[in-house]
Amino acid sequence: MKPFSAVLAFGIAACVGACVTGLAAPALAQTAALQLTTGKVITDPAGAFISVSVKNGTTAPISEAYVACEFFAGNRALGKSSTTLFSIVPGVTGSDQVRLLGGTSANRATCTITGHK
């Protein structure tokens, strides 16, 4: 039986290797196959939001796609917010909203897919 510290050290080393591999940037061809579509910025008394959709044009399921948006009032940046879309199978579009609390003067936003796994 191995001592607990040896098992713990092996587990941490395995996790670090797997986590670093999982966080590496996806290949350009995979990213290009994910298509982001955004709606228009809408405001309400709580802030601003924008609808976002990601179409999976790959042949593999995407367990998570990350979309980040920066909201603006004219040229003045108001803040950033993001969402995670889960379980997008090939050929299907996942959608959600990105909301910025307090951004009641927002009139535009720029959004990007920041990663996926």
N, C-alpha and C. Protein backbone atom coordinates (compact mmCIF):
# COMPACT_ATOMS: atom_id res chain seq x y z
N MET A 1 0.85 -1.17 0.00
CA MET A 1 0.00 0.00 0.00
C MET A 1 0.89 1.23 0.00
N LYS A 2 0.56 2.19 -0.88
CA LYS A 2 1.35 3.41 -0.98
C LYS A 2 0.92 4.38 0.11
N PRO A 3 1.87 5.17 0.61
CA PRO A 3 1.50 6.17 1.60
C PRO A 3 0.58 7.22 0.98
N PHE A 4 -0.26 7.80 1.80
CA PHE A 4 -1.24 8.79 1.35
C PHE A 4 -0.59 9.94 0.61
N SER A 5 0.57 10.42 1.09
CA SER A 5 1.24 11.56 0.46
C SER A 5 1.67 11.22 -0.96
N ALA A 6 2.08 9.99 -1.24
CA ALA A 6 2.48 9.60 -2.59
C ALA A 6 1.26 9.57 -3.50
N VAL A 7 0.14 9.06 -3.03
CA VAL A 7 -1.09 9.02 -3.82
C VAL A 7 -1.58 10.45 -4.09
N LEU A 8 -1.53 11.29 -3.08
CA LEU A 8 -1.96 12.68 -3.22
C LEU A 8 -1.08 13.41 -4.24
N ALA A 9 0.24 13.21 -4.16
CA ALA A 9 1.16 13.87 -5.09
C ALA A 9 0.89 13.42 -6.52
N PHE A 10 0.64 12.11 -6.71
CA PHE A 10 0.34 11.60 -8.05
C PHE A 10 -0.97 12.20 -8.56
N GLY A 11 -1.98 12.27 -7.71
CA GLY A 11 -3.27 12.82 -8.10
C GLY A 11 -3.16 14.28 -8.50
N ILE A 12 -2.40 15.05 -7.75
CA ILE A 12 -2.21 16.47 -8.08
C ILE A 12 -1.45 16.61 -9.39
N ALA A 13 -0.40 15.82 -9.59
CA ALA A 13 0.37 15.89 -10.83
C ALA A 13 -0.51 15.51 -12.03
N ALA A 14 -1.34 14.50 -11.89
CA ALA A 14 -2.23 14.09 -12.97
C ALA A 14 -3.25 15.18 -13.27
N CYS A 15 -3.78 15.81 -12.24
CA CYS A 15 -4.76 16.87 -12.43
C CYS A 15 -4.13 18.08 -13.11
N VAL A 16 -2.93 18.45 -12.70
CA VAL A 16 -2.26 19.60 -13.31
C VAL A 16 -2.04 19.34 -14.79
N GLY A 17 -1.57 18.15 -15.14
CA GLY A 17 -1.36 17.82 -16.55
C GLY A 17 -2.66 17.86 -17.33
N ALA A 18 -3.71 17.28 -16.78
CA ALA A 18 -5.00 17.25 -17.47
C ALA A 18 -5.61 18.64 -17.55
N CYS A 19 -5.50 19.40 -16.48
CA CYS A 19 -6.09 20.74 -16.46
C CYS A 19 -5.39 21.66 -17.45
N VAL A 20 -4.07 21.59 -17.52
CA VAL A 20 -3.33 22.43 -18.46
C VAL A 20 -3.69 22.04 -19.89
N THR A 21 -3.79 20.74 -20.17
CA THR A 21 -4.18 20.30 -21.49
C THR A 21 -5.58 20.77 -21.82
N GLY A 22 -6.50 20.69 -20.87
CA GLY A 22 -7.88 21.10 -21.10
C GLY A 22 -8.03 22.59 -21.31
N LEU A 23 -7.11 23.40 -20.76
CA LEU A 23 -7.22 24.84 -20.90
C LEU A 23 -6.49 25.37 -22.12
N ALA A 24 -5.79 24.51 -22.82
CA ALA A 24 -5.07 24.98 -24.00
C ALA A 24 -6.07 25.49 -25.03
N ALA A 25 -5.65 26.45 -25.83
CA ALA A 25 -6.53 27.02 -26.85
C ALA A 25 -6.92 25.96 -27.86
N PRO A 26 -8.20 25.92 -28.26
CA PRO A 26 -8.62 24.92 -29.24
C PRO A 26 -8.01 25.23 -30.60
N ALA A 27 -7.95 24.21 -31.43
CA ALA A 27 -7.41 24.39 -32.77
C ALA A 27 -8.25 25.40 -33.54
N LEU A 28 -7.62 26.14 -34.43
CA LEU A 28 -8.31 27.19 -35.17
C LEU A 28 -9.47 26.63 -35.97
N ALA A 29 -9.31 25.46 -36.57
CA ALA A 29 -10.38 24.87 -37.37
C ALA A 29 -11.61 24.59 -36.50
N GLN A 30 -11.42 24.16 -35.26
CA GLN A 30 -12.55 23.90 -34.38
C GLN A 30 -13.25 25.20 -34.01
N THR A 31 -12.50 26.24 -33.69
CA THR A 31 -13.09 27.52 -33.31
C THR A 31 -13.85 28.12 -34.48
N ALA A 32 -13.30 28.01 -35.68
CA ALA A 32 -13.97 28.57 -36.85
C ALA A 32 -15.29 27.86 -37.12
N ALA A 33 -15.43 26.62 -36.69
CA ALA A 33 -16.66 25.86 -36.92
C ALA A 33 -17.75 26.22 -35.91
N LEU A 34 -17.43 26.97 -34.87
CA LEU A 34 -18.44 27.47 -33.94
C LEU A 34 -18.84 28.86 -34.41
N GLN A 35 -20.11 29.05 -34.70
CA GLN A 35 -20.58 30.31 -35.25
C GLN A 35 -21.40 31.07 -34.22
N LEU A 36 -20.96 32.28 -33.89
CA LEU A 36 -21.63 33.12 -32.91
C LEU A 36 -22.58 34.09 -33.61
N THR A 37 -23.80 34.18 -33.10
CA THR A 37 -24.78 35.14 -33.59
C THR A 37 -25.29 35.91 -32.38
N THR A 38 -25.43 37.23 -32.53
CA THR A 38 -25.93 38.05 -31.43
C THR A 38 -27.18 38.81 -31.85
N GLY A 39 -27.99 39.13 -30.88
CA GLY A 39 -29.17 39.95 -31.11
C GLY A 39 -28.84 41.41 -30.84
N LYS A 40 -29.86 42.20 -30.62
CA LYS A 40 -29.60 43.62 -30.31
C LYS A 40 -29.60 43.81 -28.80
N VAL A 41 -28.94 44.86 -28.36
CA VAL A 41 -28.87 45.18 -26.93
C VAL A 41 -30.22 45.73 -26.49
N ILE A 42 -30.73 45.18 -25.41
CA ILE A 42 -31.99 45.62 -24.83
C ILE A 42 -31.72 46.05 -23.39
N THR A 43 -32.34 47.14 -22.97
CA THR A 43 -32.19 47.61 -21.59
C THR A 43 -33.52 47.52 -20.86
N ASP A 44 -33.42 47.38 -19.57
CA ASP A 44 -34.57 47.39 -18.67
C ASP A 44 -34.12 48.04 -17.37
N PRO A 45 -34.98 48.18 -16.37
CA PRO A 45 -34.56 48.84 -15.13
C PRO A 45 -33.38 48.18 -14.41
N ALA A 46 -33.12 46.90 -14.68
CA ALA A 46 -32.01 46.20 -14.01
C ALA A 46 -30.68 46.38 -14.73
N GLY A 47 -30.70 46.68 -16.02
CA GLY A 47 -29.46 46.79 -16.78
C GLY A 47 -29.68 46.53 -18.25
N ALA A 48 -28.73 45.84 -18.87
CA ALA A 48 -28.80 45.56 -20.30
C ALA A 48 -28.56 44.08 -20.52
N PHE A 49 -29.08 43.57 -21.65
CA PHE A 49 -28.80 42.19 -22.01
C PHE A 49 -28.81 42.05 -23.52
N ILE A 50 -28.17 40.98 -23.98
CA ILE A 50 -28.10 40.66 -25.40
C ILE A 50 -28.26 39.15 -25.54
N SER A 51 -29.02 38.73 -26.54
CA SER A 51 -29.17 37.30 -26.83
C SER A 51 -27.98 36.83 -27.65
N VAL A 52 -27.45 35.66 -27.31
CA VAL A 52 -26.32 35.09 -28.04
C VAL A 52 -26.66 33.65 -28.42
N SER A 53 -26.18 33.23 -29.58
CA SER A 53 -26.37 31.86 -30.06
C SER A 53 -25.05 31.35 -30.61
N VAL A 54 -24.76 30.08 -30.35
CA VAL A 54 -23.56 29.44 -30.88
C VAL A 54 -23.99 28.18 -31.61
N LYS A 55 -23.70 28.14 -32.92
CA LYS A 55 -24.01 26.95 -33.72
C LYS A 55 -22.77 26.06 -33.76
N ASN A 56 -22.98 24.79 -33.49
CA ASN A 56 -21.89 23.82 -33.52
C ASN A 56 -21.78 23.23 -34.92
N GLY A 57 -20.81 23.70 -35.69
CA GLY A 57 -20.58 23.20 -37.03
C GLY A 57 -19.53 22.11 -37.07
N THR A 58 -19.13 21.60 -35.90
CA THR A 58 -18.13 20.52 -35.85
C THR A 58 -18.85 19.17 -35.92
N THR A 59 -18.08 18.11 -35.90
CA THR A 59 -18.66 16.76 -35.89
C THR A 59 -18.67 16.16 -34.49
N ALA A 60 -18.26 16.94 -33.50
CA ALA A 60 -18.20 16.45 -32.12
C ALA A 60 -19.08 17.31 -31.23
N PRO A 61 -19.65 16.73 -30.19
CA PRO A 61 -20.41 17.54 -29.23
C PRO A 61 -19.50 18.51 -28.50
N ILE A 62 -20.03 19.69 -28.19
CA ILE A 62 -19.31 20.68 -27.41
C ILE A 62 -19.95 20.69 -26.03
N SER A 63 -19.21 20.30 -25.01
CA SER A 63 -19.81 20.24 -23.67
C SER A 63 -20.03 21.63 -23.09
N GLU A 64 -19.14 22.57 -23.39
CA GLU A 64 -19.30 23.94 -22.89
C GLU A 64 -18.70 24.91 -23.91
N ALA A 65 -19.44 25.99 -24.20
CA ALA A 65 -18.93 27.08 -25.03
C ALA A 65 -19.05 28.36 -24.22
N TYR A 66 -17.99 29.14 -24.18
CA TYR A 66 -17.95 30.35 -23.36
C TYR A 66 -18.08 31.58 -24.26
N VAL A 67 -19.04 32.46 -23.93
CA VAL A 67 -19.25 33.68 -24.69
C VAL A 67 -19.12 34.86 -23.74
N ALA A 68 -18.28 35.83 -24.10
CA ALA A 68 -18.08 37.03 -23.29
C ALA A 68 -18.51 38.24 -24.12
N CYS A 69 -19.15 39.21 -23.46
CA CYS A 69 -19.60 40.43 -24.13
C CYS A 69 -19.14 41.64 -23.34
N GLU A 70 -18.79 42.69 -24.07
CA GLU A 70 -18.48 43.98 -23.45
C GLU A 70 -19.56 44.95 -23.90
N PHE A 71 -20.16 45.64 -22.95
CA PHE A 71 -21.26 46.56 -23.22
C PHE A 71 -20.76 47.99 -23.25
N PHE A 72 -21.35 48.80 -24.14
CA PHE A 72 -20.94 50.18 -24.34
C PHE A 72 -22.16 51.11 -24.37
N ALA A 73 -21.94 52.34 -23.93
CA ALA A 73 -22.87 53.45 -24.14
C ALA A 73 -22.12 54.41 -25.05
N GLY A 74 -22.42 54.39 -26.34
CA GLY A 74 -21.60 55.11 -27.30
C GLY A 74 -20.23 54.48 -27.36
N ASN A 75 -19.18 55.25 -27.08
CA ASN A 75 -17.82 54.71 -27.06
C ASN A 75 -17.33 54.41 -25.65
N ARG A 76 -18.16 54.69 -24.65
CA ARG A 76 -17.76 54.47 -23.25
C ARG A 76 -18.07 53.04 -22.83
N ALA A 77 -17.06 52.32 -22.38
CA ALA A 77 -17.25 50.94 -21.92
C ALA A 77 -17.97 50.96 -20.57
N LEU A 78 -19.00 50.12 -20.45
CA LEU A 78 -19.77 50.03 -19.21
C LEU A 78 -19.38 48.82 -18.37
N GLY A 79 -18.94 47.76 -19.01
CA GLY A 79 -18.55 46.57 -18.27
C GLY A 79 -18.61 45.33 -19.15
N LYS A 80 -18.19 44.22 -18.57
CA LYS A 80 -18.14 42.94 -19.28
C LYS A 80 -18.95 41.91 -18.51
N SER A 81 -19.49 40.97 -19.24
CA SER A 81 -20.23 39.87 -18.64
C SER A 81 -20.12 38.67 -19.57
N SER A 82 -20.45 37.49 -19.09
CA SER A 82 -20.30 36.29 -19.92
C SER A 82 -21.33 35.24 -19.56
N THR A 83 -21.39 34.21 -20.40
CA THR A 83 -22.27 33.08 -20.15
C THR A 83 -21.59 31.81 -20.64
N THR A 84 -22.08 30.69 -20.20
CA THR A 84 -21.62 29.39 -20.66
C THR A 84 -22.81 28.65 -21.25
N LEU A 85 -22.66 28.19 -22.48
CA LEU A 85 -23.69 27.38 -23.13
C LEU A 85 -23.26 25.93 -23.00
N PHE A 86 -24.17 25.07 -22.59
CA PHE A 86 -23.83 23.68 -22.31
C PHE A 86 -24.41 22.72 -23.36
N SER A 87 -23.65 21.66 -23.63
CA SER A 87 -24.11 20.50 -24.42
C SER A 87 -24.69 20.88 -25.77
N ILE A 88 -23.84 21.37 -26.67
CA ILE A 88 -24.28 21.70 -28.02
C ILE A 88 -23.82 20.57 -28.94
N VAL A 89 -24.77 19.78 -29.43
CA VAL A 89 -24.43 18.66 -30.30
C VAL A 89 -24.19 19.16 -31.72
N PRO A 90 -23.51 18.37 -32.56
CA PRO A 90 -23.21 18.80 -33.93
C PRO A 90 -24.48 19.21 -34.69
N GLY A 91 -24.38 20.35 -35.37
CA GLY A 91 -25.49 20.85 -36.18
C GLY A 91 -26.56 21.61 -35.41
N VAL A 92 -26.43 21.70 -34.10
CA VAL A 92 -27.44 22.35 -33.26
C VAL A 92 -26.91 23.69 -32.77
N THR A 93 -27.84 24.61 -32.50
CA THR A 93 -27.49 25.93 -31.99
C THR A 93 -27.92 26.06 -30.54
N GLY A 94 -27.00 26.43 -29.68
CA GLY A 94 -27.30 26.71 -28.28
C GLY A 94 -27.48 28.21 -28.11
N SER A 95 -28.36 28.63 -27.22
CA SER A 95 -28.58 30.07 -27.04
C SER A 95 -28.80 30.41 -25.58
N ASP A 96 -28.53 31.67 -25.26
CA ASP A 96 -28.67 32.19 -23.91
C ASP A 96 -28.66 33.72 -24.00
N GLN A 97 -28.68 34.37 -22.86
CA GLN A 97 -28.55 35.82 -22.79
C GLN A 97 -27.35 36.16 -21.92
N VAL A 98 -26.71 37.27 -22.26
CA VAL A 98 -25.64 37.82 -21.44
C VAL A 98 -26.19 39.12 -20.87
N ARG A 99 -26.18 39.23 -19.54
CA ARG A 99 -26.77 40.39 -18.88
C ARG A 99 -25.71 41.15 -18.11
N LEU A 100 -25.78 42.50 -18.22
CA LEU A 100 -24.91 43.38 -17.44
C LEU A 100 -25.80 44.17 -16.50
N LEU A 101 -25.74 43.85 -15.22
CA LEU A 101 -26.55 44.56 -14.23
C LEU A 101 -26.06 46.00 -14.11
N GLY A 102 -26.99 46.93 -14.08
CA GLY A 102 -26.66 48.34 -13.92
C GLY A 102 -26.33 49.06 -15.20
N GLY A 103 -26.23 48.36 -16.31
CA GLY A 103 -25.85 48.99 -17.57
C GLY A 103 -27.04 49.53 -18.34
N THR A 104 -27.85 50.35 -17.68
CA THR A 104 -29.10 50.83 -18.28
C THR A 104 -28.91 51.78 -19.45
N SER A 105 -27.71 52.31 -19.65
CA SER A 105 -27.47 53.22 -20.78
C SER A 105 -26.79 52.52 -21.95
N ALA A 106 -26.64 51.22 -21.88
CA ALA A 106 -25.97 50.48 -22.97
C ALA A 106 -26.77 50.57 -24.26
N ASN A 107 -26.04 50.75 -25.37
CA ASN A 107 -26.71 50.76 -26.66
C ASN A 107 -26.02 49.84 -27.68
N ARG A 108 -24.92 49.22 -27.26
CA ARG A 108 -24.25 48.23 -28.13
C ARG A 108 -23.38 47.33 -27.28
N ALA A 109 -23.00 46.19 -27.89
CA ALA A 109 -22.12 45.24 -27.22
C ALA A 109 -21.30 44.50 -28.27
N THR A 110 -20.10 44.11 -27.89
CA THR A 110 -19.28 43.25 -28.74
C THR A 110 -19.12 41.93 -27.99
N CYS A 111 -19.36 40.84 -28.69
CA CYS A 111 -19.31 39.51 -28.08
C CYS A 111 -18.38 38.60 -28.85
N THR A 112 -17.72 37.70 -28.14
CA THR A 112 -16.82 36.73 -28.75
C THR A 112 -16.94 35.40 -28.04
N ILE A 113 -16.62 34.34 -28.76
CA ILE A 113 -16.48 33.02 -28.15
C ILE A 113 -15.08 32.98 -27.56
N THR A 114 -14.99 32.84 -26.24
CA THR A 114 -13.68 32.88 -25.59
C THR A 114 -13.06 31.50 -25.39
N GLY A 115 -13.81 30.46 -25.64
CA GLY A 115 -13.28 29.11 -25.51
C GLY A 115 -14.38 28.08 -25.51
N HIS A 116 -13.97 26.83 -25.54
CA HIS A 116 -14.92 25.72 -25.47
C HIS A 116 -14.20 24.45 -25.07
N LYS A 117 -14.98 23.48 -24.66
CA LYS A 117 -14.42 22.15 -24.39
C LYS A 117 -15.45 21.10 -24.67
